[in-house]
Amino acid sequence: MQPIRLATTQFEARDGDKEYNLARMEALAAEAAAQGAELVCFHECAIPGYTYLETLDRDALAALAEPLDASPSLERLRRLAARLGVGIGAGLVEIDDDRLYNTWALVDADGVVARHRKIHAFISPHLDCGDSFTVFDWRGSRFGILICYDCNLPENVRMNALEGVEILLAPHVTGCLPSPMPGRGVVEPAVWEAREADPVRCRQEFDGPKGRGWLMRWLPARAFENGLYLVYANPIGVEGGTIKPGGSLILDPYGEILAECRRLGDEVVTALCDPAKLESAPGRSYIDARRPELYGRMLAPNPKLRPDGKPDVWWQRQARAKSA
């Protein structure tokens, strides 16, 4: 790994408004480049928007999708990356041979560097799940990509670590979701709408167990237990009729926060990632201490997995029960 300055972002995307979203991304990427960043991360499906995809039928979703080798959105970001001298990663709906994917792609001046199809895609029955991990070398470092729910499974992050990943790019759309866990749940739109008049209440909601408090239970552990850098990008504000808490951040291999978005609005932060931390990270020794001969059950077929391979998340089960 080479020393590299990375940037993560948060912004309030608009459902289906690619022009607006790309314009915001252009402004934030320029700001990141001015701060010396070499790579800029945007959140899951940042180009078209995310949560509202669950309301679209297949034809509408296909109309929104773009092929990676002829994507107008990625070409626009490629030109921007060339002008700024950076890599830019963003999410979109990909169409490939009539199949639709929740995809996150990294582009630079030369085009698409890498793309990851979400392994656990559940927001729409029309989206297929990816079937592989994404590991690649870029500017002297080894990167991996996992999208949102992909990171909830420790096995996915560990597999990236076993493939030598030093920096994990983790675009999300998460937080402030319905949940049976104490203190968790949604943030009312009125709280976000009143953020300028009452920023304290909004910050309390975002920082508490509905948002940041929940994230801190597990995300730093993914970086710590695997001894890698982790770049988390999450939207803020209205997102598909829900409210998202932002809080995009960069973690070091000790699970410590190097940089974090704290504004109640669009923001970019950067951090310098030092290869020396990889060598001393405890997670690396944990990997070396594994005893795979004891883990056979982890490779057995999962009888609870749905036939389509999608996770059955709690809040979707609740919604189905209410509509039944």
C-alpha atoms as a PDB file:
ATOM      1  CA  MET A   1       0.000   0.000   0.000  1.00  0.00           C
ATOM      2  CA  GLN A   2       1.062   3.574  -0.723  1.00  0.00           C
ATOM      3  CA  PRO A   3       0.051   6.598   1.380  1.00  0.00           C
ATOM      4  CA  ILE A   4      -3.168   7.937  -0.113  1.00  0.00           C
ATOM      5  CA  ARG A   5      -5.637  10.665   0.814  1.00  0.00           C
ATOM      6  CA  LEU A   6      -9.245   9.513   0.505  1.00  0.00           C
ATOM      7  CA  ALA A   7     -12.488  11.471   0.632  1.00  0.00           C
ATOM      8  CA  THR A   8     -15.979  10.490   1.667  1.00  0.00           C
ATOM      9  CA  THR A   9     -19.120  12.522   1.191  1.00  0.00           C
ATOM     10  CA  GLN A  10     -22.704  12.990   2.239  1.00  0.00           C
ATOM     11  CA  PHE A  11     -25.422  14.800   0.338  1.00  0.00           C
ATOM     12  CA  GLU A  12     -29.188  14.945   0.039  1.00  0.00           C
ATOM     13  CA  ALA A  13     -29.975  13.231  -3.248  1.00  0.00           C
ATOM     14  CA  ARG A  14     -33.228  13.642  -5.162  1.00  0.00           C
ATOM     15  CA  ASP A  15     -35.213  10.601  -6.245  1.00  0.00           C
ATOM     16  CA  GLY A  16     -34.812   9.978  -9.969  1.00  0.00           C
ATOM     17  CA  ASP A  17     -33.116  13.343 -10.607  1.00  0.00           C
ATOM     18  CA  LYS A  18     -29.783  12.260 -12.047  1.00  0.00           C
ATOM     19  CA  GLU A  19     -28.950  15.744 -13.288  1.00  0.00           C
ATOM     20  CA  TYR A  20     -29.264  17.294  -9.837  1.00  0.00           C
ATOM     21  CA  ASN A  21     -27.443  14.452  -8.114  1.00  0.00           C
ATOM     22  CA  LEU A  22     -24.557  14.502 -10.577  1.00  0.00           C
ATOM     23  CA  ALA A  23     -24.250  18.273 -10.196  1.00  0.00           C
ATOM     24  CA  ARG A  24     -23.944  17.905  -6.419  1.00  0.00           C
ATOM     25  CA  MET A  25     -21.390  15.160  -6.893  1.00  0.00           C
ATOM     26  CA  GLU A  26     -19.362  17.358  -9.226  1.00  0.00           C
ATOM     27  CA  ALA A  27     -19.235  20.132  -6.633  1.00  0.00           C
ATOM     28  CA  LEU A  28     -18.277  17.813  -3.784  1.00  0.00           C
ATOM     29  CA  ALA A  29     -15.653  16.004  -5.872  1.00  0.00           C
ATOM     30  CA  ALA A  30     -14.055  19.326  -6.771  1.00  0.00           C
ATOM     31  CA  GLU A  31     -13.968  20.242  -3.091  1.00  0.00           C
ATOM     32  CA  ALA A  32     -12.360  16.900  -2.241  1.00  0.00           C
ATOM     33  CA  ALA A  33      -9.733  17.305  -4.950  1.00  0.00           C
ATOM     34  CA  ALA A  34      -8.928  20.788  -3.649  1.00  0.00           C
ATOM     35  CA  GLN A  35      -8.203  19.156  -0.279  1.00  0.00           C
ATOM     36  CA  GLY A  36      -5.759  16.756  -1.919  1.00  0.00           C
ATOM     37  CA  ALA A  37      -7.931  13.655  -2.139  1.00  0.00           C
ATOM     38  CA  GLU A  38      -7.052  11.046  -4.761  1.00  0.00           C
ATOM     39  CA  LEU A  39     -10.305   9.086  -4.493  1.00  0.00           C
ATOM     40  CA  VAL A  40     -13.815  10.361  -3.732  1.00  0.00           C
ATOM     41  CA  CYS A  41     -16.601   8.077  -2.495  1.00  0.00           C
ATOM     42  CA  PHE A  42     -20.324   8.685  -2.896  1.00  0.00           C
ATOM     43  CA  HIS A  43     -23.118   6.594  -1.418  1.00  0.00           C
ATOM     44  CA  GLU A  44     -25.100   3.621  -2.715  1.00  0.00           C
ATOM     45  CA  CYS A  45     -27.204   4.501  -5.796  1.00  0.00           C
ATOM     46  CA  ALA A  46     -26.166   8.135  -5.398  1.00  0.00           C
ATOM     47  CA  ILE A  47     -26.813   8.799  -9.088  1.00  0.00           C
ATOM     48  CA  PRO A  48     -30.530   7.841  -9.292  1.00  0.00           C
ATOM     49  CA  GLY A  49     -31.451   7.702  -5.581  1.00  0.00           C
ATOM     50  CA  TYR A  50     -32.102   4.505  -3.673  1.00  0.00           C
ATOM     51  CA  THR A  51     -35.024   3.813  -1.335  1.00  0.00           C
ATOM     52  CA  TYR A  52     -37.731   4.846  -3.795  1.00  0.00           C
ATOM     53  CA  LEU A  53     -36.548   2.063  -6.126  1.00  0.00           C
ATOM     54  CA  GLU A  54     -38.762  -0.300  -4.111  1.00  0.00           C
ATOM     55  CA  THR A  55     -41.823   1.483  -5.565  1.00  0.00           C
ATOM     56  CA  LEU A  56     -40.831   0.989  -9.226  1.00  0.00           C
ATOM     57  CA  ASP A  57     -42.015  -1.824 -11.465  1.00  0.00           C
ATOM     58  CA  ARG A  58     -39.511  -3.600 -13.664  1.00  0.00           C
ATOM     59  CA  ASP A  59     -40.102  -1.385 -16.707  1.00  0.00           C
ATOM     60  CA  ALA A  60     -39.560   1.786 -14.690  1.00  0.00           C
ATOM     61  CA  LEU A  61     -36.452   0.371 -13.059  1.00  0.00           C
ATOM     62  CA  ALA A  62     -35.058  -0.736 -16.426  1.00  0.00           C
ATOM     63  CA  ALA A  63     -35.685   2.735 -17.847  1.00  0.00           C
ATOM     64  CA  LEU A  64     -33.582   4.171 -15.029  1.00  0.00           C
ATOM     65  CA  ALA A  65     -30.752   1.654 -15.484  1.00  0.00           C
ATOM     66  CA  GLU A  66     -27.554   2.190 -17.464  1.00  0.00           C
ATOM     67  CA  PRO A  67     -25.096  -0.292 -19.032  1.00  0.00           C
ATOM     68  CA  LEU A  68     -21.649   0.174 -17.562  1.00  0.00           C
ATOM     69  CA  ASP A  69     -19.890   0.243 -20.924  1.00  0.00           C
ATOM     70  CA  ALA A  70     -22.207   2.974 -22.240  1.00  0.00           C
ATOM     71  CA  SER A  71     -23.330   4.836 -19.126  1.00  0.00           C
ATOM     72  CA  PRO A  72     -23.912   8.571 -19.650  1.00  0.00           C
ATOM     73  CA  SER A  73     -23.631   9.143 -15.900  1.00  0.00           C
ATOM     74  CA  LEU A  74     -20.328   7.324 -15.533  1.00  0.00           C
ATOM     75  CA  GLU A  75     -18.950   9.039 -18.631  1.00  0.00           C
ATOM     76  CA  ARG A  76     -19.778  12.380 -17.042  1.00  0.00           C
ATOM     77  CA  LEU A  77     -17.980  11.313 -13.865  1.00  0.00           C
ATOM     78  CA  ARG A  78     -15.061   9.985 -15.925  1.00  0.00           C
ATOM     79  CA  ARG A  79     -14.599  13.376 -17.552  1.00  0.00           C
ATOM     80  CA  LEU A  80     -14.752  15.001 -14.128  1.00  0.00           C
ATOM     81  CA  ALA A  81     -12.225  12.505 -12.753  1.00  0.00           C
ATOM     82  CA  ALA A  82      -9.881  13.276 -15.648  1.00  0.00           C
ATOM     83  CA  ARG A  83     -10.154  17.011 -15.047  1.00  0.00           C
ATOM     84  CA  LEU A  84      -9.572  16.695 -11.295  1.00  0.00           C
ATOM     85  CA  GLY A  85      -6.996  13.904 -11.468  1.00  0.00           C
ATOM     86  CA  VAL A  86      -8.900  11.672  -9.049  1.00  0.00           C
ATOM     87  CA  GLY A  87     -10.932   8.484  -8.897  1.00  0.00           C
ATOM     88  CA  ILE A  88     -14.675   8.851  -8.287  1.00  0.00           C
ATOM     89  CA  GLY A  89     -16.930   6.087  -6.994  1.00  0.00           C
ATOM     90  CA  ALA A  90     -20.719   6.210  -7.150  1.00  0.00           C
ATOM     91  CA  GLY A  91     -23.742   3.931  -7.222  1.00  0.00           C
ATOM     92  CA  LEU A  92     -26.289   3.383  -9.981  1.00  0.00           C
ATOM     93  CA  VAL A  93     -28.724   0.813 -11.333  1.00  0.00           C
ATOM     94  CA  GLU A  94     -26.883  -1.285 -13.906  1.00  0.00           C
ATOM     95  CA  ILE A  95     -28.475  -3.223 -16.753  1.00  0.00           C
ATOM     96  CA  ASP A  96     -26.542  -6.107 -18.280  1.00  0.00           C
ATOM     97  CA  ASP A  97     -28.107  -8.624 -20.659  1.00  0.00           C
ATOM     98  CA  ASP A  98     -31.594  -7.693 -19.400  1.00  0.00           C
ATOM     99  CA  ARG A  99     -30.593  -8.233 -15.763  1.00  0.00           C
ATOM    100  CA  LEU A 100     -30.660  -5.369 -13.278  1.00  0.00           C
ATOM    101  CA  TYR A 101     -28.146  -4.794 -10.486  1.00  0.00           C
ATOM    102  CA  ASN A 102     -27.483  -2.393  -7.632  1.00  0.00           C
ATOM    103  CA  THR A 103     -23.947  -1.484  -8.697  1.00  0.00           C
ATOM    104  CA  TRP A 104     -21.220   0.814  -7.429  1.00  0.00           C
ATOM    105  CA  ALA A 105     -18.477   1.758  -9.862  1.00  0.00           C
ATOM    106  CA  LEU A 106     -15.134   3.505  -9.547  1.00  0.00           C
ATOM    107  CA  VAL A 107     -14.004   5.562 -12.534  1.00  0.00           C
ATOM    108  CA  ASP A 108     -10.865   7.506 -13.317  1.00  0.00           C
ATOM    109  CA  ALA A 109      -9.545   9.247 -16.419  1.00  0.00           C
ATOM    110  CA  ASP A 110      -9.234   5.920 -18.240  1.00  0.00           C
ATOM    111  CA  GLY A 111     -12.793   4.731 -17.575  1.00  0.00           C
ATOM    112  CA  VAL A 112     -14.317   2.169 -15.228  1.00  0.00           C
ATOM    113  CA  VAL A 113     -11.646   0.847 -12.862  1.00  0.00           C
ATOM    114  CA  ALA A 114     -13.892  -1.566 -10.965  1.00  0.00           C
ATOM    115  CA  ARG A 115     -17.530  -2.301 -10.270  1.00  0.00           C
ATOM    116  CA  HIS A 116     -19.306  -4.211  -7.531  1.00  0.00           C
ATOM    117  CA  ARG A 117     -22.798  -5.663  -7.741  1.00  0.00           C
ATOM    118  CA  LYS A 118     -24.468  -5.734  -4.342  1.00  0.00           C
ATOM    119  CA  ILE A 119     -24.372  -9.305  -3.055  1.00  0.00           C
ATOM    120  CA  HIS A 120     -27.403  -8.868  -0.794  1.00  0.00           C
ATOM    121  CA  ALA A 121     -29.721  -6.728  -2.948  1.00  0.00           C
ATOM    122  CA  PHE A 122     -33.162  -6.581  -1.350  1.00  0.00           C
ATOM    123  CA  ILE A 123     -34.754  -3.190  -2.046  1.00  0.00           C
ATOM    124  CA  SER A 124     -36.524  -4.454  -5.194  1.00  0.00           C
ATOM    125  CA  PRO A 125     -37.566  -7.913  -6.408  1.00  0.00           C
ATOM    126  CA  HIS A 126     -36.408  -6.836  -9.869  1.00  0.00           C
ATOM    127  CA  LEU A 127     -32.758  -6.424  -8.837  1.00  0.00           C
ATOM    128  CA  ASP A 128     -30.509  -9.465  -9.085  1.00  0.00           C
ATOM    129  CA  CYS A 129     -27.864 -10.163  -6.449  1.00  0.00           C
ATOM    130  CA  GLY A 130     -24.197 -10.071  -7.335  1.00  0.00           C
ATOM    131  CA  ASP A 131     -22.306 -13.342  -7.008  1.00  0.00           C
ATOM    132  CA  SER A 132     -18.690 -12.338  -6.412  1.00  0.00           C
ATOM    133  CA  PHE A 133     -16.390 -10.106  -4.403  1.00  0.00           C
ATOM    134  CA  THR A 134     -14.631  -7.152  -5.990  1.00  0.00           C
ATOM    135  CA  VAL A 135     -10.916  -6.719  -5.308  1.00  0.00           C
ATOM    136  CA  PHE A 136      -8.579  -4.557  -7.395  1.00  0.00           C
ATOM    137  CA  ASP A 137      -5.307  -2.630  -7.308  1.00  0.00           C
ATOM    138  CA  TRP A 138      -5.264   1.107  -7.950  1.00  0.00           C
ATOM    139  CA  ARG A 139      -2.524   3.679  -7.351  1.00  0.00           C
ATOM    140  CA  GLY A 140      -0.413   1.315  -5.289  1.00  0.00           C
ATOM    141  CA  SER A 141      -3.118   0.046  -2.916  1.00  0.00           C
ATOM    142  CA  ARG A 142      -5.453  -2.937  -2.891  1.00  0.00           C
ATOM    143  CA  PHE A 143      -9.139  -2.036  -2.669  1.00  0.00           C
ATOM    144  CA  GLY A 144     -12.375  -3.889  -2.096  1.00  0.00           C
ATOM    145  CA  ILE A 145     -15.999  -2.775  -2.410  1.00  0.00           C
ATOM    146  CA  LEU A 146     -19.023  -3.862  -0.369  1.00  0.00           C
ATOM    147  CA  ILE A 147     -22.404  -2.145  -0.632  1.00  0.00           C
ATOM    148  CA  CYS A 148     -24.433  -1.440   2.524  1.00  0.00           C
ATOM    149  CA  TYR A 149     -26.007  -4.737   3.713  1.00  0.00           C
ATOM    150  CA  ASP A 150     -22.974  -6.578   2.321  1.00  0.00           C
ATOM    151  CA  CYS A 151     -21.026  -5.102   5.262  1.00  0.00           C
ATOM    152  CA  ASN A 152     -23.506  -6.365   7.852  1.00  0.00           C
ATOM    153  CA  LEU A 153     -22.192  -9.890   7.334  1.00  0.00           C
ATOM    154  CA  PRO A 154     -18.729 -10.197   8.919  1.00  0.00           C
ATOM    155  CA  GLU A 155     -17.906 -13.011   6.501  1.00  0.00           C
ATOM    156  CA  ASN A 156     -17.986 -10.642   3.531  1.00  0.00           C
ATOM    157  CA  VAL A 157     -15.490  -8.233   5.062  1.00  0.00           C
ATOM    158  CA  ARG A 158     -13.265 -11.096   6.198  1.00  0.00           C
ATOM    159  CA  MET A 159     -13.225 -12.526   2.665  1.00  0.00           C
ATOM    160  CA  ASN A 160     -12.031  -9.152   1.384  1.00  0.00           C
ATOM    161  CA  ALA A 161      -9.293  -9.127   4.011  1.00  0.00           C
ATOM    162  CA  LEU A 162      -8.219 -12.634   3.013  1.00  0.00           C
ATOM    163  CA  GLU A 163      -7.901 -11.361  -0.566  1.00  0.00           C
ATOM    164  CA  GLY A 164      -5.417  -8.777   0.652  1.00  0.00           C
ATOM    165  CA  VAL A 165      -7.721  -5.751   0.706  1.00  0.00           C
ATOM    166  CA  GLU A 166      -6.130  -2.781   2.467  1.00  0.00           C
ATOM    167  CA  ILE A 167      -8.881  -0.218   1.854  1.00  0.00           C
ATOM    168  CA  LEU A 168     -12.551  -1.216   1.841  1.00  0.00           C
ATOM    169  CA  LEU A 169     -14.945   1.165   0.077  1.00  0.00           C
ATOM    170  CA  ALA A 170     -18.351   0.879   1.747  1.00  0.00           C
ATOM    171  CA  PRO A 171     -21.146   2.950   0.148  1.00  0.00           C
ATOM    172  CA  HIS A 172     -24.393   2.773   2.146  1.00  0.00           C
ATOM    173  CA  VAL A 173     -27.930   4.067   2.462  1.00  0.00           C
ATOM    174  CA  THR A 174     -28.699   3.257   6.075  1.00  0.00           C
ATOM    175  CA  GLY A 175     -29.757   4.420   9.514  1.00  0.00           C
ATOM    176  CA  CYS A 176     -33.042   5.633  10.994  1.00  0.00           C
ATOM    177  CA  LEU A 177     -34.937   2.546   9.829  1.00  0.00           C
ATOM    178  CA  PRO A 178     -37.847   0.758  11.526  1.00  0.00           C
ATOM    179  CA  SER A 179     -36.404  -1.691  14.031  1.00  0.00           C
ATOM    180  CA  PRO A 180     -37.398  -3.851  17.016  1.00  0.00           C
ATOM    181  CA  MET A 181     -34.210  -2.800  18.833  1.00  0.00           C
ATOM    182  CA  PRO A 182     -34.679  -0.481  21.858  1.00  0.00           C
ATOM    183  CA  GLY A 183     -34.375   3.191  20.997  1.00  0.00           C
ATOM    184  CA  ARG A 184     -34.133   2.591  17.283  1.00  0.00           C
ATOM    185  CA  GLY A 185     -36.578   3.600  14.582  1.00  0.00           C
ATOM    186  CA  VAL A 186     -37.310   6.340  12.095  1.00  0.00           C
ATOM    187  CA  VAL A 187     -36.638  10.063  12.390  1.00  0.00           C
ATOM    188  CA  GLU A 188     -39.714  12.128  11.662  1.00  0.00           C
ATOM    189  CA  PRO A 189     -39.427  14.429   8.619  1.00  0.00           C
ATOM    190  CA  ALA A 190     -40.376  17.415  10.792  1.00  0.00           C
ATOM    191  CA  VAL A 191     -37.130  17.008  12.736  1.00  0.00           C
ATOM    192  CA  TRP A 192     -35.090  17.329   9.541  1.00  0.00           C
ATOM    193  CA  GLU A 193     -37.212  20.179   8.215  1.00  0.00           C
ATOM    194  CA  ALA A 194     -36.565  22.125  11.442  1.00  0.00           C
ATOM    195  CA  ARG A 195     -32.809  21.445  11.492  1.00  0.00           C
ATOM    196  CA  GLU A 196     -31.856  25.115  11.159  1.00  0.00           C
ATOM    197  CA  ALA A 197     -34.278  26.279  13.841  1.00  0.00           C
ATOM    198  CA  ASP A 198     -33.509  23.343  16.155  1.00  0.00           C
ATOM    199  CA  PRO A 199     -30.193  21.729  15.173  1.00  0.00           C
ATOM    200  CA  VAL A 200     -29.743  20.234  18.644  1.00  0.00           C
ATOM    201  CA  ARG A 201     -32.812  18.018  18.344  1.00  0.00           C
ATOM    202  CA  CYS A 202     -31.812  16.893  14.848  1.00  0.00           C
ATOM    203  CA  ARG A 203     -28.277  16.116  15.972  1.00  0.00           C
ATOM    204  CA  GLN A 204     -29.580  14.180  18.984  1.00  0.00           C
ATOM    205  CA  GLU A 205     -31.742  12.032  16.713  1.00  0.00           C
ATOM    206  CA  PHE A 206     -28.940  11.434  14.219  1.00  0.00           C
ATOM    207  CA  ASP A 207     -26.291  10.706  16.873  1.00  0.00           C
ATOM    208  CA  GLY A 208     -28.471   8.459  19.033  1.00  0.00           C
ATOM    209  CA  PRO A 209     -29.384   4.777  18.654  1.00  0.00           C
ATOM    210  CA  LYS A 210     -31.383   5.475  15.485  1.00  0.00           C
ATOM    211  CA  GLY A 211     -28.312   6.634  13.584  1.00  0.00           C
ATOM    212  CA  ARG A 212     -24.702   6.983  14.667  1.00  0.00           C
ATOM    213  CA  GLY A 213     -25.148   5.007  17.879  1.00  0.00           C
ATOM    214  CA  TRP A 214     -26.320   1.999  15.902  1.00  0.00           C
ATOM    215  CA  LEU A 215     -23.509   2.330  13.368  1.00  0.00           C
ATOM    216  CA  MET A 216     -20.859   2.471  16.087  1.00  0.00           C
ATOM    217  CA  ARG A 217     -21.983  -0.931  17.377  1.00  0.00           C
ATOM    218  CA  TRP A 218     -20.564  -2.742  14.392  1.00  0.00           C
ATOM    219  CA  LEU A 219     -18.886  -0.723  11.623  1.00  0.00           C
ATOM    220  CA  PRO A 220     -15.634   0.139  13.473  1.00  0.00           C
ATOM    221  CA  ALA A 221     -15.393  -3.547  14.388  1.00  0.00           C
ATOM    222  CA  ARG A 222     -15.277  -4.468  10.699  1.00  0.00           C
ATOM    223  CA  ALA A 223     -12.180  -2.295  10.244  1.00  0.00           C
ATOM    224  CA  PHE A 224     -10.573  -3.382  13.535  1.00  0.00           C
ATOM    225  CA  GLU A 225     -11.083  -7.143  13.306  1.00  0.00           C
ATOM    226  CA  ASN A 226      -9.756  -7.236   9.734  1.00  0.00           C
ATOM    227  CA  GLY A 227      -6.993  -4.646  10.036  1.00  0.00           C
ATOM    228  CA  LEU A 228      -8.040  -2.479   7.092  1.00  0.00           C
ATOM    229  CA  TYR A 229      -9.071   1.069   6.247  1.00  0.00           C
ATOM    230  CA  LEU A 230     -12.800   1.520   5.671  1.00  0.00           C
ATOM    231  CA  VAL A 231     -14.456   4.377   3.780  1.00  0.00           C
ATOM    232  CA  TYR A 232     -18.155   4.728   4.630  1.00  0.00           C
ATOM    233  CA  ALA A 233     -20.451   6.993   2.578  1.00  0.00           C
ATOM    234  CA  ASN A 234     -24.093   7.608   3.537  1.00  0.00           C
ATOM    235  CA  PRO A 235     -26.686  10.175   2.400  1.00  0.00           C
ATOM    236  CA  ILE A 236     -28.206  12.809   4.650  1.00  0.00           C
ATOM    237  CA  GLY A 237     -31.731  14.193   4.737  1.00  0.00           C
ATOM    238  CA  VAL A 238     -34.748  13.092   2.737  1.00  0.00           C
ATOM    239  CA  GLU A 239     -34.128   9.821   0.899  1.00  0.00           C
ATOM    240  CA  GLY A 240     -37.031   7.993  -0.692  1.00  0.00           C
ATOM    241  CA  GLY A 241     -39.508   9.407   1.811  1.00  0.00           C
ATOM    242  CA  THR A 242     -37.284   8.447   4.751  1.00  0.00           C
ATOM    243  CA  ILE A 243     -34.721  10.498   6.663  1.00  0.00           C
ATOM    244  CA  LYS A 244     -31.088   9.455   6.596  1.00  0.00           C
ATOM    245  CA  PRO A 245     -28.488  10.655   9.151  1.00  0.00           C
ATOM    246  CA  GLY A 246     -25.385  11.040   6.979  1.00  0.00           C
ATOM    247  CA  GLY A 247     -22.350  10.557   9.189  1.00  0.00           C
ATOM    248  CA  SER A 248     -20.006   9.478   6.406  1.00  0.00           C
ATOM    249  CA  LEU A 249     -16.591   8.628   7.835  1.00  0.00           C
ATOM    250  CA  ILE A 250     -13.185   7.057   7.307  1.00  0.00           C
ATOM    251  CA  LEU A 251     -11.911   4.415   9.746  1.00  0.00           C
ATOM    252  CA  ASP A 252      -8.330   3.291  10.239  1.00  0.00           C
ATOM    253  CA  PRO A 253      -7.235  -0.347  10.792  1.00  0.00           C
ATOM    254  CA  TYR A 254      -7.638   0.146  14.560  1.00  0.00           C
ATOM    255  CA  GLY A 255     -11.306   1.023  14.100  1.00  0.00           C
ATOM    256  CA  GLU A 256     -10.616   4.669  14.989  1.00  0.00           C
ATOM    257  CA  ILE A 257     -12.347   7.518  13.143  1.00  0.00           C
ATOM    258  CA  LEU A 258      -9.935   9.558  11.032  1.00  0.00           C
ATOM    259  CA  ALA A 259     -12.534  11.905   9.528  1.00  0.00           C
ATOM    260  CA  GLU A 260     -16.307  12.245   9.835  1.00  0.00           C
ATOM    261  CA  CYS A 261     -19.035  14.368   8.255  1.00  0.00           C
ATOM    262  CA  ARG A 262     -20.798  16.297  11.027  1.00  0.00           C
ATOM    263  CA  ARG A 263     -22.763  18.975   9.197  1.00  0.00           C
ATOM    264  CA  LEU A 264     -26.538  18.807   8.923  1.00  0.00           C
ATOM    265  CA  GLY A 265     -26.151  19.095   5.172  1.00  0.00           C
ATOM    266  CA  ASP A 266     -23.915  18.239   2.237  1.00  0.00           C
ATOM    267  CA  GLU A 267     -20.267  17.748   3.166  1.00  0.00           C
ATOM    268  CA  VAL A 268     -16.951  16.183   2.187  1.00  0.00           C
ATOM    269  CA  VAL A 269     -14.123  15.112   4.516  1.00  0.00           C
ATOM    270  CA  THR A 270     -10.709  13.629   3.769  1.00  0.00           C
ATOM    271  CA  ALA A 271      -8.098  11.558   5.574  1.00  0.00           C
ATOM    272  CA  LEU A 272      -4.576  10.400   4.819  1.00  0.00           C
ATOM    273  CA  CYS A 273      -4.259   6.613   4.982  1.00  0.00           C
ATOM    274  CA  ASP A 274      -0.822   5.486   6.183  1.00  0.00           C
ATOM    275  CA  PRO A 275       0.399   1.968   5.297  1.00  0.00           C
ATOM    276  CA  ALA A 276       2.319   1.733   8.591  1.00  0.00           C
ATOM    277  CA  LYS A 277      -0.938   1.179  10.480  1.00  0.00           C
ATOM    278  CA  LEU A 278      -1.658  -1.958   8.479  1.00  0.00           C
ATOM    279  CA  GLU A 279       1.497  -3.610   9.797  1.00  0.00           C
ATOM    280  CA  SER A 280       0.658  -2.996  13.464  1.00  0.00           C
ATOM    281  CA  ALA A 281      -3.117  -3.551  13.308  1.00  0.00           C
ATOM    282  CA  PRO A 282      -4.300  -6.327  15.686  1.00  0.00           C
ATOM    283  CA  GLY A 283      -6.771  -7.541  13.071  1.00  0.00           C
ATOM    284  CA  ARG A 284      -3.918  -8.793  10.935  1.00  0.00           C
ATOM    285  CA  SER A 285      -2.741 -11.092  13.720  1.00  0.00           C
ATOM    286  CA  TYR A 286      -6.304 -12.336  14.239  1.00  0.00           C
ATOM    287  CA  ILE A 287      -6.417 -13.373  10.593  1.00  0.00           C
ATOM    288  CA  ASP A 288      -3.115 -15.222  10.968  1.00  0.00           C
ATOM    289  CA  ALA A 289      -4.489 -17.045  14.041  1.00  0.00           C
ATOM    290  CA  ARG A 290      -7.519 -18.518  12.270  1.00  0.00           C
ATOM    291  CA  ARG A 291      -8.177 -22.266  12.409  1.00  0.00           C
ATOM    292  CA  PRO A 292     -10.215 -22.996   9.261  1.00  0.00           C
ATOM    293  CA  GLU A 293     -10.450 -26.695  10.097  1.00  0.00           C
ATOM    294  CA  LEU A 294     -12.968 -25.713  12.805  1.00  0.00           C
ATOM    295  CA  TYR A 295     -15.173 -23.600  10.536  1.00  0.00           C
ATOM    296  CA  GLY A 296     -16.683 -26.239   8.275  1.00  0.00           C
ATOM    297  CA  ARG A 297     -20.249 -25.413   9.263  1.00  0.00           C
ATOM    298  CA  MET A 298     -19.813 -21.891   7.901  1.00  0.00           C
ATOM    299  CA  LEU A 299     -19.510 -23.369   4.407  1.00  0.00           C
ATOM    300  CA  ALA A 300     -22.594 -25.572   4.676  1.00  0.00           C
ATOM    301  CA  PRO A 301     -25.707 -24.575   2.663  1.00  0.00           C
ATOM    302  CA  ASN A 302     -27.914 -22.032   4.421  1.00  0.00           C
ATOM    303  CA  PRO A 303     -31.424 -23.527   4.762  1.00  0.00           C
ATOM    304  CA  LYS A 304     -32.897 -20.148   5.730  1.00  0.00           C
ATOM    305  CA  LEU A 305     -31.716 -18.368   2.584  1.00  0.00           C
ATOM    306  CA  ARG A 306     -34.531 -17.366   0.261  1.00  0.00           C
ATOM    307  CA  PRO A 307     -34.507 -18.968  -3.216  1.00  0.00           C
ATOM    308  CA  ASP A 308     -33.655 -15.607  -4.797  1.00  0.00           C
ATOM    309  CA  GLY A 309     -30.686 -15.172  -2.459  1.00  0.00           C
ATOM    310  CA  LYS A 310     -32.039 -11.932  -0.977  1.00  0.00           C
ATOM    311  CA  PRO A 311     -32.039 -11.176   2.758  1.00  0.00           C
ATOM    312  CA  ASP A 312     -35.433 -10.966   4.450  1.00  0.00           C
ATOM    313  CA  VAL A 313     -34.982  -7.773   6.452  1.00  0.00           C
ATOM    314  CA  TRP A 314     -37.159  -6.984   9.473  1.00  0.00           C
ATOM    315  CA  TRP A 315     -38.776  -3.773   8.280  1.00  0.00           C
ATOM    316  CA  GLN A 316     -39.792  -5.334   4.973  1.00  0.00           C
ATOM    317  CA  ARG A 317     -41.399  -8.255   6.832  1.00  0.00           C
ATOM    318  CA  GLN A 318     -43.314  -5.778   8.978  1.00  0.00           C
ATOM    319  CA  ALA A 319     -44.528  -3.882   5.916  1.00  0.00           C
ATOM    320  CA  ARG A 320     -45.745  -7.096   4.303  1.00  0.00           C
ATOM    321  CA  ALA A 321     -47.563  -8.091   7.477  1.00  0.00           C
ATOM    322  CA  LYS A 322     -49.355  -4.745   7.660  1.00  0.00           C
ATOM    323  CA  SER A 323     -50.463  -4.923   4.029  1.00  0.00           C
ATOM    324  CA  ALA A 324     -51.687  -8.521   4.314  1.00  0.00           C
END
